[in-house]
Amino acid sequence: MIAEPKEKVSVKVQKTQDYSLVLYNDDVNSFDHVINSLMAICNLELTESEQCAWIVHTNGRCSVSHGVYNELEPKCIALLDRGLSAKIE
């Protein structure tokens, strides 16, 4: 005989979607411009910015920041305003 539960419990799970801000290679902007933009907008250190610039150059894309959409959107717009190719995925 299986006992029935005496009370029902409902569990609410709050899901936050984690997005990535992806920078794409455009063959137009200089390494210095990309590096300086990443430092200023994404708050990356010099070494991180240089590594991201090389990854973009060799692989065509690099995730430069992660988080919720509302936090990444201003960063993406700022990168686009500087002439870089970026997208939130």
N, C-alpha and C. Protein backbone atom coordinates (compact mmCIF):
# COMPACT_ATOMS: atom_id res chain seq x y z
N MET A 1 0.84 -1.17 0.00
CA MET A 1 0.00 0.00 0.00
C MET A 1 0.90 1.25 0.00
N ILE A 2 0.61 2.19 -0.90
CA ILE A 2 1.37 3.43 -1.03
C ILE A 2 0.64 4.54 -0.29
N ALA A 3 1.35 5.21 0.56
CA ALA A 3 0.75 6.29 1.34
C ALA A 3 0.68 7.56 0.50
N GLU A 4 -0.40 8.25 0.58
CA GLU A 4 -0.57 9.53 -0.10
C GLU A 4 0.09 10.63 0.74
N PRO A 5 0.70 11.59 0.09
CA PRO A 5 1.28 12.69 0.85
C PRO A 5 0.18 13.50 1.55
N LYS A 6 0.49 14.00 2.73
CA LYS A 6 -0.51 14.73 3.51
C LYS A 6 -0.68 16.15 3.02
N GLU A 7 0.36 16.76 2.49
CA GLU A 7 0.21 18.11 1.95
C GLU A 7 1.00 18.22 0.65
N LYS A 8 0.50 19.07 -0.21
CA LYS A 8 1.18 19.28 -1.49
C LYS A 8 2.13 20.46 -1.36
N VAL A 9 3.29 20.28 -1.89
CA VAL A 9 4.30 21.33 -1.86
C VAL A 9 4.59 21.74 -3.28
N SER A 10 4.53 23.03 -3.53
CA SER A 10 4.90 23.50 -4.86
C SER A 10 6.22 24.22 -4.77
N VAL A 11 7.07 23.93 -5.70
CA VAL A 11 8.41 24.51 -5.71
C VAL A 11 8.50 25.42 -6.91
N LYS A 12 8.92 26.66 -6.67
CA LYS A 12 9.10 27.62 -7.74
C LYS A 12 10.58 27.73 -8.03
N VAL A 13 10.95 27.53 -9.26
CA VAL A 13 12.35 27.64 -9.65
C VAL A 13 12.49 28.88 -10.51
N GLN A 14 13.35 29.77 -10.06
CA GLN A 14 13.60 30.98 -10.84
C GLN A 14 14.83 30.74 -11.70
N LYS A 15 14.65 30.86 -12.99
CA LYS A 15 15.73 30.64 -13.93
C LYS A 15 16.22 31.97 -14.46
N THR A 16 17.51 32.18 -14.41
CA THR A 16 18.08 33.36 -15.03
C THR A 16 18.90 32.87 -16.22
N GLN A 17 18.61 33.42 -17.34
CA GLN A 17 19.30 33.02 -18.56
C GLN A 17 20.67 33.68 -18.59
N ASP A 18 21.70 32.91 -18.83
CA ASP A 18 23.05 33.43 -18.95
C ASP A 18 23.35 33.63 -20.43
N TYR A 19 23.67 34.86 -20.78
CA TYR A 19 23.98 35.21 -22.15
C TYR A 19 25.47 35.50 -22.29
N SER A 20 25.94 35.51 -23.52
CA SER A 20 27.33 35.85 -23.81
C SER A 20 27.35 37.04 -24.76
N LEU A 21 28.27 37.94 -24.50
CA LEU A 21 28.54 39.04 -25.42
C LEU A 21 29.69 38.57 -26.30
N VAL A 22 29.41 38.43 -27.58
CA VAL A 22 30.39 37.86 -28.51
C VAL A 22 30.91 38.96 -29.44
N LEU A 23 32.21 39.04 -29.53
CA LEU A 23 32.88 39.98 -30.43
C LEU A 23 33.31 39.21 -31.67
N TYR A 24 33.06 39.80 -32.84
CA TYR A 24 33.39 39.15 -34.11
C TYR A 24 34.51 39.89 -34.83
N ASN A 25 35.27 39.15 -35.62
CA ASN A 25 36.33 39.72 -36.43
C ASN A 25 35.72 40.51 -37.57
N ASP A 26 36.29 41.67 -37.83
CA ASP A 26 35.76 42.48 -38.93
C ASP A 26 36.83 42.90 -39.94
N ASP A 27 38.08 42.57 -39.69
CA ASP A 27 39.20 42.91 -40.59
C ASP A 27 39.29 44.41 -40.88
N VAL A 28 38.72 45.23 -40.01
CA VAL A 28 38.75 46.68 -40.22
C VAL A 28 39.46 47.37 -39.06
N ASN A 29 39.08 47.02 -37.85
CA ASN A 29 39.61 47.72 -36.67
C ASN A 29 40.98 47.19 -36.28
N SER A 30 41.80 48.09 -35.74
CA SER A 30 43.15 47.71 -35.31
C SER A 30 43.10 46.94 -33.99
N PHE A 31 44.16 46.21 -33.72
CA PHE A 31 44.26 45.49 -32.45
C PHE A 31 44.17 46.48 -31.28
N ASP A 32 44.85 47.61 -31.41
CA ASP A 32 44.84 48.60 -30.32
C ASP A 32 43.43 49.10 -30.05
N HIS A 33 42.67 49.36 -31.10
CA HIS A 33 41.30 49.84 -30.92
C HIS A 33 40.44 48.78 -30.23
N VAL A 34 40.57 47.53 -30.65
CA VAL A 34 39.80 46.44 -30.03
C VAL A 34 40.20 46.29 -28.57
N ILE A 35 41.49 46.26 -28.30
CA ILE A 35 41.99 46.09 -26.93
C ILE A 35 41.52 47.22 -26.03
N ASN A 36 41.68 48.46 -26.49
CA ASN A 36 41.25 49.62 -25.69
C ASN A 36 39.75 49.61 -25.46
N SER A 37 38.98 49.20 -26.46
CA SER A 37 37.52 49.14 -26.31
C SER A 37 37.11 48.09 -25.29
N LEU A 38 37.75 46.93 -25.33
CA LEU A 38 37.43 45.87 -24.38
C LEU A 38 37.77 46.28 -22.95
N MET A 39 38.88 46.99 -22.79
CA MET A 39 39.27 47.45 -21.47
C MET A 39 38.28 48.49 -20.94
N ALA A 40 37.87 49.41 -21.80
CA ALA A 40 36.99 50.50 -21.39
C ALA A 40 35.55 50.04 -21.16
N ILE A 41 35.06 49.18 -22.02
CA ILE A 41 33.64 48.82 -21.99
C ILE A 41 33.37 47.57 -21.16
N CYS A 42 34.20 46.56 -21.32
CA CYS A 42 33.97 45.28 -20.64
C CYS A 42 34.77 45.14 -19.36
N ASN A 43 35.54 46.17 -19.03
CA ASN A 43 36.36 46.18 -17.82
C ASN A 43 37.34 45.01 -17.76
N LEU A 44 37.88 44.64 -18.92
CA LEU A 44 38.88 43.58 -18.96
C LEU A 44 40.26 44.18 -18.71
N GLU A 45 41.13 43.38 -18.14
CA GLU A 45 42.52 43.78 -17.95
C GLU A 45 43.22 43.78 -19.31
N LEU A 46 44.38 44.40 -19.37
CA LEU A 46 45.13 44.48 -20.63
C LEU A 46 45.40 43.10 -21.20
N THR A 47 45.88 42.18 -20.38
CA THR A 47 46.21 40.83 -20.86
C THR A 47 44.97 40.11 -21.39
N GLU A 48 43.86 40.23 -20.68
CA GLU A 48 42.61 39.59 -21.13
C GLU A 48 42.16 40.19 -22.46
N SER A 49 42.25 41.51 -22.57
CA SER A 49 41.84 42.18 -23.81
C SER A 49 42.71 41.76 -24.98
N GLU A 50 44.02 41.64 -24.75
CA GLU A 50 44.92 41.19 -25.81
C GLU A 50 44.59 39.77 -26.23
N GLN A 51 44.33 38.90 -25.26
CA GLN A 51 43.99 37.51 -25.58
C GLN A 51 42.70 37.44 -26.39
N CYS A 52 41.70 38.21 -25.98
CA CYS A 52 40.43 38.23 -26.72
C CYS A 52 40.63 38.73 -28.15
N ALA A 53 41.45 39.76 -28.31
CA ALA A 53 41.71 40.30 -29.65
C ALA A 53 42.36 39.24 -30.54
N TRP A 54 43.30 38.46 -29.99
CA TRP A 54 43.95 37.40 -30.78
C TRP A 54 42.97 36.27 -31.09
N ILE A 55 42.13 35.93 -30.14
CA ILE A 55 41.13 34.87 -30.38
C ILE A 55 40.18 35.30 -31.48
N VAL A 56 39.72 36.54 -31.43
CA VAL A 56 38.84 37.06 -32.48
C VAL A 56 39.55 37.02 -33.83
N HIS A 57 40.81 37.41 -33.83
CA HIS A 57 41.58 37.43 -35.08
C HIS A 57 41.75 36.03 -35.67
N THR A 58 42.03 35.04 -34.82
CA THR A 58 42.30 33.69 -35.32
C THR A 58 41.05 32.84 -35.50
N ASN A 59 40.07 33.00 -34.61
CA ASN A 59 38.86 32.15 -34.67
C ASN A 59 37.64 32.84 -35.26
N GLY A 60 37.73 34.15 -35.42
CA GLY A 60 36.61 34.88 -36.01
C GLY A 60 35.61 35.38 -34.98
N ARG A 61 35.73 34.92 -33.73
CA ARG A 61 34.80 35.35 -32.68
C ARG A 61 35.36 35.00 -31.32
N CYS A 62 34.88 35.72 -30.30
CA CYS A 62 35.29 35.44 -28.93
C CYS A 62 34.23 35.99 -27.99
N SER A 63 33.88 35.19 -26.99
CA SER A 63 32.97 35.65 -25.95
C SER A 63 33.76 36.53 -24.99
N VAL A 64 33.34 37.78 -24.84
CA VAL A 64 34.11 38.73 -24.03
C VAL A 64 33.46 39.05 -22.70
N SER A 65 32.20 38.64 -22.52
CA SER A 65 31.51 38.89 -21.25
C SER A 65 30.30 37.97 -21.16
N HIS A 66 29.92 37.64 -19.93
CA HIS A 66 28.76 36.78 -19.67
C HIS A 66 27.86 37.46 -18.65
N GLY A 67 26.57 37.16 -18.71
CA GLY A 67 25.66 37.70 -17.72
C GLY A 67 24.24 37.72 -18.22
N VAL A 68 23.42 38.47 -17.52
CA VAL A 68 22.02 38.60 -17.92
C VAL A 68 21.93 39.63 -19.05
N TYR A 69 20.91 39.49 -19.85
CA TYR A 69 20.77 40.30 -21.07
C TYR A 69 20.83 41.80 -20.77
N ASN A 70 20.11 42.23 -19.74
CA ASN A 70 20.04 43.67 -19.43
C ASN A 70 21.38 44.27 -19.07
N GLU A 71 22.29 43.46 -18.54
CA GLU A 71 23.63 43.95 -18.22
C GLU A 71 24.53 43.98 -19.45
N LEU A 72 24.31 43.06 -20.37
CA LEU A 72 25.17 42.97 -21.55
C LEU A 72 24.76 43.95 -22.66
N GLU A 73 23.49 44.30 -22.70
CA GLU A 73 23.00 45.15 -23.79
C GLU A 73 23.74 46.49 -23.89
N PRO A 74 23.94 47.24 -22.78
CA PRO A 74 24.68 48.51 -22.92
C PRO A 74 26.12 48.31 -23.39
N LYS A 75 26.74 47.21 -22.96
CA LYS A 75 28.11 46.92 -23.41
C LYS A 75 28.12 46.64 -24.91
N CYS A 76 27.15 45.87 -25.37
CA CYS A 76 27.07 45.55 -26.79
C CYS A 76 26.87 46.82 -27.62
N ILE A 77 25.98 47.67 -27.17
CA ILE A 77 25.71 48.92 -27.89
C ILE A 77 26.97 49.79 -27.92
N ALA A 78 27.69 49.84 -26.81
CA ALA A 78 28.91 50.63 -26.75
C ALA A 78 29.98 50.09 -27.71
N LEU A 79 30.10 48.77 -27.79
CA LEU A 79 31.06 48.18 -28.74
C LEU A 79 30.64 48.49 -30.18
N LEU A 80 29.36 48.39 -30.46
CA LEU A 80 28.86 48.71 -31.80
C LEU A 80 29.09 50.18 -32.13
N ASP A 81 28.90 51.06 -31.15
CA ASP A 81 29.14 52.49 -31.35
C ASP A 81 30.60 52.79 -31.67
N ARG A 82 31.49 51.92 -31.23
CA ARG A 82 32.92 52.09 -31.53
C ARG A 82 33.30 51.43 -32.86
N GLY A 83 32.32 50.92 -33.58
CA GLY A 83 32.59 50.34 -34.89
C GLY A 83 32.96 48.87 -34.85
N LEU A 84 32.82 48.22 -33.71
CA LEU A 84 33.13 46.80 -33.60
C LEU A 84 31.89 45.97 -33.92
N SER A 85 32.11 44.72 -34.25
CA SER A 85 31.00 43.81 -34.54
C SER A 85 30.77 42.95 -33.30
N ALA A 86 29.60 43.10 -32.69
CA ALA A 86 29.29 42.36 -31.46
C ALA A 86 27.83 41.95 -31.47
N LYS A 87 27.53 40.91 -30.69
CA LYS A 87 26.17 40.39 -30.62
C LYS A 87 25.99 39.66 -29.30
N ILE A 88 24.78 39.72 -28.75
CA ILE A 88 24.46 38.98 -27.54
C ILE A 88 23.83 37.66 -27.95
N GLU A 89 24.38 36.58 -27.45
CA GLU A 89 23.87 35.25 -27.79
C GLU A 89 23.51 34.49 -26.54
